[in-house]
C-alpha atoms as a PDB file:
ATOM      1  CA  LEU A   1      22.344  96.460 150.299  1.00  0.00           C
ATOM      2  CA  SER A   2      18.886  94.423 150.168  1.00  0.00           C
ATOM      3  CA  SER A   3      18.121  96.333 146.833  1.00  0.00           C
ATOM      4  CA  ARG A   4      21.743  95.116 145.466  1.00  0.00           C
ATOM      5  CA  ALA A   5      21.117  91.563 146.726  1.00  0.00           C
ATOM      6  CA  GLN A   6      17.773  91.295 145.080  1.00  0.00           C
ATOM      7  CA  HIS A   7      19.103  92.749 141.686  1.00  0.00           C
ATOM      8  CA  TYR A   8      21.905  90.089 141.660  1.00  0.00           C
ATOM      9  CA  HIS A   9      19.675  87.412 142.654  1.00  0.00           C
ATOM     10  CA  HIS A  10      17.484  88.366 139.804  1.00  0.00           C
ATOM     11  CA  HIS A  11      20.062  88.125 137.345  1.00  0.00           C
ATOM     12  CA  SER A  12      21.785  85.110 138.961  1.00  0.00           C
ATOM     13  CA  SER A  13      18.773  83.096 137.660  1.00  0.00           C
ATOM     14  CA  CYS A  14      19.053  84.330 134.046  1.00  0.00           C
ATOM     15  CA  SER A  15      20.342  82.437 131.214  1.00  0.00           C
ATOM     16  CA  SER A  16      24.035  83.234 130.005  1.00  0.00           C
ATOM     17  CA  SER A  17      22.516  84.586 126.894  1.00  0.00           C
ATOM     18  CA  SER A  18      20.326  87.091 128.555  1.00  0.00           C
ATOM     19  CA  LEU A  19      23.023  88.294 130.716  1.00  0.00           C
ATOM     20  CA  SER A  20      24.834  89.916 127.968  1.00  0.00           C
ATOM     21  CA  SER A  21      21.917  92.144 127.291  1.00  0.00           C
ATOM     22  CA  THR A  22      21.424  93.105 130.969  1.00  0.00           C
ATOM     23  CA  LYS A  23      23.227  95.402 133.040  1.00  0.00           C
ATOM     24  CA  SER A  24      25.795  93.948 135.504  1.00  0.00           C
ATOM     25  CA  PRO A  25      25.231  94.258 139.095  1.00  0.00           C
ATOM     26  CA  PRO A  26      26.775  97.211 140.686  1.00  0.00           C
ATOM     27  CA  ILE A  27      30.448  96.998 141.966  1.00  0.00           C
ATOM     28  CA  ILE A  28      30.692  97.116 145.766  1.00  0.00           C
ATOM     29  CA  THR A  29      33.273  99.742 146.909  1.00  0.00           C
ATOM     30  CA  ASN A  30      35.796  98.943 149.790  1.00  0.00           C
ATOM     31  CA  GLU A  31      34.004 101.610 151.959  1.00  0.00           C
ATOM     32  CA  GLU A  32      30.903  99.471 151.550  1.00  0.00           C
ATOM     33  CA  VAL A  33      32.578  96.399 152.522  1.00  0.00           C
ATOM     34  CA  SER A  34      34.033  97.844 155.604  1.00  0.00           C
ATOM     35  CA  CYS A  35      30.287  98.935 156.568  1.00  0.00           C
ATOM     36  CA  LEU A  36      29.043  95.464 155.862  1.00  0.00           C
ATOM     37  CA  ASN A  37      31.568  94.169 158.613  1.00  0.00           C
ATOM     38  CA  THR A  38      30.291  96.234 161.531  1.00  0.00           C
ATOM     39  CA  TYR A  39      27.188  96.305 163.697  1.00  0.00           C
ATOM     40  CA  PRO A  40      25.094  99.400 164.034  1.00  0.00           C
ATOM     41  CA  SER A  41      25.232 101.094 167.294  1.00  0.00           C
ATOM     42  CA  ILE A  42      22.569 100.248 169.771  1.00  0.00           C
ATOM     43  CA  PRO A  43      19.804 102.762 169.672  1.00  0.00           C
ATOM     44  CA  SER A  44      20.104 105.225 172.831  1.00  0.00           C
ATOM     45  CA  ASP A  45      16.481 103.959 174.219  1.00  0.00           C
ATOM     46  CA  LEU A  46      17.849 100.377 174.238  1.00  0.00           C
ATOM     47  CA  GLU A  47      21.322 100.904 175.525  1.00  0.00           C
ATOM     48  CA  ARG A  48      20.155  99.616 178.869  1.00  0.00           C
ATOM     49  CA  CYS A  49      18.202  96.484 177.523  1.00  0.00           C
ATOM     50  CA  PHE A  50      21.188  94.730 175.877  1.00  0.00           C
ATOM     51  CA  THR A  51      24.964  93.999 176.325  1.00  0.00           C
ATOM     52  CA  GLU A  52      27.131  94.831 173.379  1.00  0.00           C
ATOM     53  CA  ARG A  53      27.414  91.163 172.613  1.00  0.00           C
ATOM     54  CA  GLU A  54      23.743  90.577 172.735  1.00  0.00           C
ATOM     55  CA  TRP A  55      23.076  93.597 170.465  1.00  0.00           C
ATOM     56  CA  GLU A  56      25.681  91.915 167.996  1.00  0.00           C
ATOM     57  CA  GLN A  57      23.797  88.532 168.316  1.00  0.00           C
ATOM     58  CA  ARG A  58      20.438  90.257 167.613  1.00  0.00           C
ATOM     59  CA  CYS A  59      21.825  91.929 164.581  1.00  0.00           C
ATOM     60  CA  SER A  60      23.356  88.740 163.148  1.00  0.00           C
ATOM     61  CA  LEU A  61      19.975  86.843 163.709  1.00  0.00           C
ATOM     62  CA  ALA A  62      18.105  89.600 161.842  1.00  0.00           C
ATOM     63  CA  VAL A  63      20.370  89.361 158.872  1.00  0.00           C
ATOM     64  CA  SER A  64      19.944  85.576 158.821  1.00  0.00           C
ATOM     65  CA  TYR A  65      16.152  86.082 158.773  1.00  0.00           C
ATOM     66  CA  ARG A  66      16.643  88.492 155.817  1.00  0.00           C
ATOM     67  CA  ILE A  67      18.782  86.168 154.085  1.00  0.00           C
ATOM     68  CA  ALA A  68      16.310  83.280 154.592  1.00  0.00           C
ATOM     69  CA  TYR A  69      13.644  85.597 153.071  1.00  0.00           C
ATOM     70  CA  LEU A  70      15.904  86.550 149.965  1.00  0.00           C
ATOM     71  CA  HIS A  71      16.294  82.670 149.553  1.00  0.00           C
ATOM     72  CA  ASP A  72      12.673  81.999 149.759  1.00  0.00           C
ATOM     73  CA  TRP A  73      13.022  79.839 152.791  1.00  0.00           C
ATOM     74  CA  HIS A  74      10.073  81.563 154.549  1.00  0.00           C
ATOM     75  CA  GLU A  75       7.349  80.233 152.582  1.00  0.00           C
ATOM     76  CA  ASN A  76       6.782  77.047 154.791  1.00  0.00           C
ATOM     77  CA  ILE A  77       4.754  77.183 158.002  1.00  0.00           C
ATOM     78  CA  PHE A  78       6.246  77.385 161.509  1.00  0.00           C
ATOM     79  CA  ASN A  79       9.818  78.357 160.106  1.00  0.00           C
ATOM     80  CA  HIS A  80      12.001  79.967 162.457  1.00  0.00           C
ATOM     81  CA  ILE A  81      15.772  80.544 163.329  1.00  0.00           C
ATOM     82  CA  THR A  82      16.809  80.315 167.126  1.00  0.00           C
ATOM     83  CA  LEU A  83      19.530  81.958 168.887  1.00  0.00           C
ATOM     84  CA  LYS A  84      20.866  81.210 172.407  1.00  0.00           C
ATOM     85  CA  VAL A  85      21.953  84.403 173.934  1.00  0.00           C
ATOM     86  CA  ASP A  86      25.749  84.124 174.880  1.00  0.00           C
ATOM     87  CA  GLY A  87      26.190  84.032 178.714  1.00  0.00           C
ATOM     88  CA  SER A  88      22.536  83.505 179.429  1.00  0.00           C
ATOM     89  CA  ASP A  89      23.092  80.380 181.091  1.00  0.00           C
ATOM     90  CA  SER A  90      24.300  82.017 184.353  1.00  0.00           C
ATOM     91  CA  GLU A  91      21.384  84.640 184.335  1.00  0.00           C
ATOM     92  CA  PRO A  92      18.543  84.073 186.751  1.00  0.00           C
ATOM     93  CA  GLY A  93      15.637  82.186 184.581  1.00  0.00           C
ATOM     94  CA  GLY A  94      18.350  81.455 181.883  1.00  0.00           C
ATOM     95  CA  PRO A  95      19.300  80.227 179.452  1.00  0.00           C
ATOM     96  CA  TYR A  96      17.686  82.887 176.968  1.00  0.00           C
ATOM     97  CA  PHE A  97      16.737  82.363 173.420  1.00  0.00           C
ATOM     98  CA  LEU A  98      15.806  84.537 170.601  1.00  0.00           C
ATOM     99  CA  LEU A  99      13.446  83.747 167.908  1.00  0.00           C
ATOM    100  CA  ASN A 100      10.683  85.555 165.828  1.00  0.00           C
ATOM    101  CA  ASP A 101       7.161  86.361 167.244  1.00  0.00           C
ATOM    102  CA  PHE A 102       4.416  84.258 165.553  1.00  0.00           C
ATOM    103  CA  GLY A 103       3.012  86.169 162.518  1.00  0.00           C
ATOM    104  CA  ILE A 104       6.189  88.287 161.826  1.00  0.00           C
ATOM    105  CA  GLY A 105       7.461  87.826 158.606  1.00  0.00           C
ATOM    106  CA  PHE A 106      11.287  87.100 157.932  1.00  0.00           C
ATOM    107  CA  ASP A 107      11.416  90.408 156.029  1.00  0.00           C
ATOM    108  CA  GLU A 108      10.209  92.341 158.914  1.00  0.00           C
ATOM    109  CA  ILE A 109      12.610  91.066 161.567  1.00  0.00           C
ATOM    110  CA  THR A 110      14.907  93.504 163.159  1.00  0.00           C
ATOM    111  CA  ALA A 111      17.399  93.371 165.880  1.00  0.00           C
ATOM    112  CA  SER A 112      15.284  95.303 168.565  1.00  0.00           C
END
């Protein structure tokens, strides 16, 4: 997906006259679209670490960082995207928030 997004992003900035001489972005199939609407399974070594909902939130946050990277929103100092973990208000020491570690690039963020 990221290579397709970058491919499309590259062509979206071209003028209309140059678009006619370039290859069109690939068509995404229905099977690929259904894969885009699902979350990957929690890795077996992390199953006891996260609830299913927190894993989904972590995946969504990782995707948000990748989208921000693709739009060059990572260039400024001290940028971050924060997520409050659902249900963490009632946990001891809560609420809990997720954000990137200092020094980790937006293109390096993962759900785990």
